[in-house]
Structures are given as C-alpha cells and as structure tokens.
PDB file of N, CA and C in Angstrom:
ATOM      1  N   MET A   1      91.856 154.341 -78.780  1.00  0.00           N
ATOM      2  CA  MET A   1      90.881 154.915 -78.765  1.00  0.00           C
ATOM      3  C   MET A   1      91.380 156.467 -79.071  1.00  0.00           C
ATOM      4  N   ARG A   2      90.147 157.320 -80.028  1.00  0.00           N
ATOM      5  CA  ARG A   2      90.682 158.475 -80.476  1.00  0.00           C
ATOM      6  C   ARG A   2      90.220 159.424 -79.658  1.00  0.00           C
ATOM      7  N   ASP A   3      90.964 160.644 -79.469  1.00  0.00           N
ATOM      8  CA  ASP A   3      91.229 161.656 -78.784  1.00  0.00           C
ATOM      9  C   ASP A   3      89.536 162.602 -78.570  1.00  0.00           C
ATOM     10  N   MET A   4      88.841 162.910 -77.891  1.00  0.00           N
ATOM     11  CA  MET A   4      87.588 163.418 -77.952  1.00  0.00           C
ATOM     12  C   MET A   4      87.917 164.900 -78.232  1.00  0.00           C
ATOM     13  N   LEU A   5      87.138 165.576 -79.530  1.00  0.00           N
ATOM     14  CA  LEU A   5      87.104 166.792 -79.722  1.00  0.00           C
ATOM     15  C   LEU A   5      86.643 168.084 -78.501  1.00  0.00           C
ATOM     16  N   SER A   6      87.648 169.152 -78.375  1.00  0.00           N
ATOM     17  CA  SER A   6      87.535 170.127 -77.613  1.00  0.00           C
ATOM     18  C   SER A   6      86.852 171.400 -78.130  1.00  0.00           C
ATOM     19  N   PRO A   7      86.226 172.096 -77.293  1.00  0.00           N
ATOM     20  CA  PRO A   7      85.257 173.205 -77.554  1.00  0.00           C
ATOM     21  C   PRO A   7      86.066 174.207 -78.790  1.00  0.00           C
ATOM     22  N   SER A   8      87.319 174.066 -78.786  1.00  0.00           N
ATOM     23  CA  SER A   8      88.419 174.925 -79.649  1.00  0.00           C
ATOM     24  C   SER A   8      88.706 174.298 -80.914  1.00  0.00           C
ATOM     25  N   THR A   9      88.537 173.161 -81.188  1.00  0.00           N
ATOM     26  CA  THR A   9      88.618 172.471 -82.014  1.00  0.00           C
ATOM     27  C   THR A   9      88.095 172.949 -83.510  1.00  0.00           C
ATOM     28  N   VAL A  10      88.788 172.901 -84.504  1.00  0.00           N
ATOM     29  CA  VAL A  10      88.384 173.538 -85.820  1.00  0.00           C
ATOM     30  C   VAL A  10      88.431 172.222 -86.763  1.00  0.00           C
ATOM     31  N   LEU A  11      87.213 171.964 -87.550  1.00  0.00           N
ATOM     32  CA  LEU A  11      87.099 171.021 -88.425  1.00  0.00           C
ATOM     33  C   LEU A  11      87.008 171.603 -89.728  1.00  0.00           C
ATOM     34  N   VAL A  12      87.496 171.244 -90.803  1.00  0.00           N
ATOM     35  CA  VAL A  12      87.163 171.415 -92.024  1.00  0.00           C
ATOM     36  C   VAL A  12      87.543 170.324 -92.993  1.00  0.00           C
ATOM     37  N   ALA A  13      86.580 170.521 -94.200  1.00  0.00           N
ATOM     38  CA  ALA A  13      86.802 169.311 -95.224  1.00  0.00           C
ATOM     39  C   ALA A  13      88.222 169.462 -96.041  1.00  0.00           C
ATOM     40  N   SER A  14      88.673 168.096 -96.438  1.00  0.00           N
ATOM     41  CA  SER A  14      90.053 167.781 -96.722  1.00  0.00           C
ATOM     42  C   SER A  14      90.024 168.660 -98.348  1.00  0.00           C
ATOM     43  N   GLY A  15      90.671 168.996 -98.829  1.00  0.00           N
ATOM     44  CA  GLY A  15      91.091 169.571-100.444  1.00  0.00           C
ATOM     45  C   GLY A  15      91.123 168.526-101.155  1.00  0.00           C
ATOM     46  N   GLU A  16      91.351 167.189-100.608  1.00  0.00           N
ATOM     47  CA  GLU A  16      91.613 166.205-101.619  1.00  0.00           C
ATOM     48  C   GLU A  16      90.515 165.213-101.856  1.00  0.00           C
ATOM     49  N   VAL A  17      89.585 166.196-101.552  1.00  0.00           N
ATOM     50  CA  VAL A  17      88.120 165.444-102.335  1.00  0.00           C
ATOM     51  C   VAL A  17      87.084 166.519-103.166  1.00  0.00           C
ATOM     52  N   LEU A  18      86.305 165.434-104.029  1.00  0.00           N
ATOM     53  CA  LEU A  18      85.385 166.692-104.687  1.00  0.00           C
ATOM     54  C   LEU A  18      84.108 166.222-104.279  1.00  0.00           C
ATOM     55  N   SER A  19      83.384 166.884-104.197  1.00  0.00           N
ATOM     56  CA  SER A  19      81.893 166.847-103.613  1.00  0.00           C
ATOM     57  C   SER A  19      80.587 167.673-104.248  1.00  0.00           C
ATOM     58  N   GLY A  20      79.570 167.216-104.237  1.00  0.00           N
ATOM     59  CA  GLY A  20      78.529 168.133-104.826  1.00  0.00           C
ATOM     60  C   GLY A  20      77.400 167.735-104.086  1.00  0.00           C
ATOM     61  N   GLU A  21      76.237 168.485-104.303  1.00  0.00           N
ATOM     62  CA  GLU A  21      74.975 168.472-103.526  1.00  0.00           C
ATOM     63  C   GLU A  21      73.883 168.242-104.496  1.00  0.00           C
ATOM     64  N   PHE A  22      73.023 167.023-104.248  1.00  0.00           N
ATOM     65  CA  PHE A  22      71.588 167.201-105.053  1.00  0.00           C
ATOM     66  C   PHE A  22      70.636 166.700-103.969  1.00  0.00           C
ATOM     67  N   ASP A  23      69.878 167.731-104.016  1.00  0.00           N
ATOM     68  CA  ASP A  23      68.547 167.600-102.945  1.00  0.00           C
ATOM     69  C   ASP A  23      69.026 167.941-101.830  1.00  0.00           C
ATOM     70  N   ALA A  24      68.932 167.045-100.828  1.00  0.00           N
ATOM     71  CA  ALA A  24      69.303 167.481 -99.650  1.00  0.00           C
ATOM     72  C   ALA A  24      70.235 166.193 -99.159  1.00  0.00           C
ATOM     73  N   GLU A  25      71.022 165.559-100.445  1.00  0.00           N
ATOM     74  CA  GLU A  25      72.043 164.966-100.004  1.00  0.00           C
ATOM     75  C   GLU A  25      73.402 165.097-100.436  1.00  0.00           C
ATOM     76  N   ALA A  26      74.426 164.642-100.218  1.00  0.00           N
ATOM     77  CA  ALA A  26      75.670 165.196-100.688  1.00  0.00           C
ATOM     78  C   ALA A  26      76.332 163.841-101.164  1.00  0.00           C
ATOM     79  N   VAL A  27      77.365 164.135-102.192  1.00  0.00           N
ATOM     80  CA  VAL A  27      78.125 163.022-102.588  1.00  0.00           C
ATOM     81  C   VAL A  27      79.941 163.237-102.438  1.00  0.00           C
ATOM     82  N   ILE A  28      80.646 162.613-101.971  1.00  0.00           N
ATOM     83  CA  ILE A  28      81.957 163.023-101.760  1.00  0.00           C
ATOM     84  C   ILE A  28      82.929 161.893-102.360  1.00  0.00           C
ATOM     85  N   LEU A  29      83.779 162.178-103.159  1.00  0.00           N
ATOM     86  CA  LEU A  29      84.634 161.340-103.894  1.00  0.00           C
ATOM     87  C   LEU A  29      86.018 161.523-103.269  1.00  0.00           C
ATOM     88  N   ASP A  30      86.845 160.739-102.465  1.00  0.00           N
ATOM     89  CA  ASP A  30      88.166 160.944-101.807  1.00  0.00           C
ATOM     90  C   ASP A  30      88.757 160.454-103.091  1.00  0.00           C
ATOM     91  N   LEU A  31      89.852 161.526-103.586  1.00  0.00           N
ATOM     92  CA  LEU A  31      90.792 161.610-104.790  1.00  0.00           C
ATOM     93  C   LEU A  31      91.725 160.588-104.349  1.00  0.00           C
ATOM     94  N   ARG A  32      92.140 160.473-103.351  1.00  0.00           N
ATOM     95  CA  ARG A  32      93.382 159.744-102.947  1.00  0.00           C
ATOM     96  C   ARG A  32      92.998 158.368-103.179  1.00  0.00           C
ATOM     97  N   ASN A  33      92.019 157.663-102.745  1.00  0.00           N
ATOM     98  CA  ASN A  33      91.614 155.938-102.827  1.00  0.00           C
ATOM     99  C   ASN A  33      90.553 156.133-103.778  1.00  0.00           C
ATOM    100  N   GLY A  34      89.629 156.648-104.051  1.00  0.00           N
ATOM    101  CA  GLY A  34      88.395 156.620-105.244  1.00  0.00           C
ATOM    102  C   GLY A  34      87.489 155.894-104.379  1.00  0.00           C
ATOM    103  N   VAL A  35      87.439 156.090-103.114  1.00  0.00           N
ATOM    104  CA  VAL A  35      86.022 155.739-102.591  1.00  0.00           C
ATOM    105  C   VAL A  35      85.453 156.965-102.635  1.00  0.00           C
ATOM    106  N   TYR A  36      84.106 156.277-102.618  1.00  0.00           N
ATOM    107  CA  TYR A  36      82.703 157.403-102.895  1.00  0.00           C
ATOM    108  C   TYR A  36      82.037 157.197-101.401  1.00  0.00           C
ATOM    109  N   TYR A  37      81.648 158.329-101.153  1.00  0.00           N
ATOM    110  CA  TYR A  37      80.683 158.586 -99.981  1.00  0.00           C
ATOM    111  C   TYR A  37      79.163 159.246-100.347  1.00  0.00           C
ATOM    112  N   GLY A  38      77.933 158.839 -99.908  1.00  0.00           N
ATOM    113  CA  GLY A  38      77.023 159.750 -99.935  1.00  0.00           C
ATOM    114  C   GLY A  38      76.288 159.571 -98.880  1.00  0.00           C
ATOM    115  N   LEU A  39      75.990 160.972 -98.253  1.00  0.00           N
ATOM    116  CA  LEU A  39      75.558 161.526 -97.310  1.00  0.00           C
ATOM    117  C   LEU A  39      73.971 161.758 -97.409  1.00  0.00           C
ATOM    118  N   GLU A  40      73.252 161.644 -96.475  1.00  0.00           N
ATOM    119  CA  GLU A  40      71.816 161.842 -96.601  1.00  0.00           C
ATOM    120  C   GLU A  40      71.682 163.253 -95.556  1.00  0.00           C
ATOM    121  N   ASP A  41      70.525 164.196 -95.770  1.00  0.00           N
ATOM    122  CA  ASP A  41      69.867 165.034 -94.309  1.00  0.00           C
ATOM    123  C   ASP A  41      71.216 165.667 -93.679  1.00  0.00           C
ATOM    124  N   ALA A  42      70.787 164.823 -92.215  1.00  0.00           N
ATOM    125  CA  ALA A  42      72.142 165.471 -91.446  1.00  0.00           C
ATOM    126  C   ALA A  42      73.535 165.324 -91.702  1.00  0.00           C
ATOM    127  N   GLY A  43      74.123 164.377 -92.488  1.00  0.00           N
ATOM    128  CA  GLY A  43      75.485 164.346 -93.105  1.00  0.00           C
ATOM    129  C   GLY A  43      75.663 165.150 -93.677  1.00  0.00           C
ATOM    130  N   ALA A  44      74.651 165.619 -94.746  1.00  0.00           N
ATOM    131  CA  ALA A  44      74.940 166.575 -96.010  1.00  0.00           C
ATOM    132  C   ALA A  44      74.708 167.997 -95.442  1.00  0.00           C
ATOM    133  N   ARG A  45      73.856 168.155 -94.528  1.00  0.00           N
ATOM    134  CA  ARG A  45      74.155 169.585 -93.836  1.00  0.00           C
ATOM    135  C   ARG A  45      75.628 169.648 -92.770  1.00  0.00           C
ATOM    136  N   ILE A  46      76.087 168.997 -92.364  1.00  0.00           N
ATOM    137  CA  ILE A  46      77.425 168.796 -91.533  1.00  0.00           C
ATOM    138  C   ILE A  46      78.459 169.070 -92.880  1.00  0.00           C
ATOM    139  N   TRP A  47      78.533 168.215 -93.797  1.00  0.00           N
ATOM    140  CA  TRP A  47      79.421 168.212 -94.671  1.00  0.00           C
ATOM    141  C   TRP A  47      79.305 170.095 -95.532  1.00  0.00           C
ATOM    142  N   GLN A  48      77.938 170.353 -95.699  1.00  0.00           N
ATOM    143  CA  GLN A  48      77.898 171.749 -96.255  1.00  0.00           C
ATOM    144  C   GLN A  48      78.613 172.632 -95.152  1.00  0.00           C
ATOM    145  N   LEU A  49      78.421 172.590 -93.843  1.00  0.00           N
ATOM    146  CA  LEU A  49      78.740 173.215 -92.782  1.00  0.00           C
ATOM    147  C   LEU A  49      80.401 173.410 -92.690  1.00  0.00           C
ATOM    148  N   LEU A  50      81.137 172.316 -92.599  1.00  0.00           N
ATOM    149  CA  LEU A  50      82.712 172.217 -92.806  1.00  0.00           C
ATOM    150  C   LEU A  50      82.937 172.728 -93.983  1.00  0.00           C
ATOM    151  N   GLN A  51      82.615 173.356 -94.994  1.00  0.00           N
ATOM    152  CA  GLN A  51      83.058 173.919 -96.129  1.00  0.00           C
ATOM    153  C   GLN A  51      83.221 175.148 -95.810  1.00  0.00           C
ATOM    154  N   ARG A  52      82.635 175.635 -94.843  1.00  0.00           N
ATOM    155  CA  ARG A  52      83.243 177.208 -94.470  1.00  0.00           C
ATOM    156  C   ARG A  52      83.261 177.307 -92.839  1.00  0.00           C
ATOM    157  N   PRO A  53      84.642 177.212 -92.637  1.00  0.00           N
ATOM    158  CA  PRO A  53      84.935 177.025 -91.328  1.00  0.00           C
ATOM    159  C   PRO A  53      84.754 178.273 -90.376  1.00  0.00           C
TER     160      PRO A  53
END
C-alpha cells in the first residue's frame, strides 16, 4: 500500500512528459514509455495546477 500524502507534500509534473490543452481537456504523452493519457475537466485542472508548484 502506498503512503498517504501529508499536508507538506509538494507534487510537480514530471519533466519527462509532453502535454497540451484542448478546450477543457489535457493530453499527456509520457516520453519514457510512449503512453498517452487524456484528462477531462477535473483531471485537466489538476494537471494545470501541477505545472506551477
């Protein structure tokens, strides 16, 4: 089981991905393994916030 995040935990987006925004969605490409992720609404907003810790 993974550890819980604490209030002092700082999360940042990996520098090993490419991402872009389209309307209210985000697309992310992991350059290490070529996996593509698509995020809608809430996920896209969280990703946007992770860009600036």
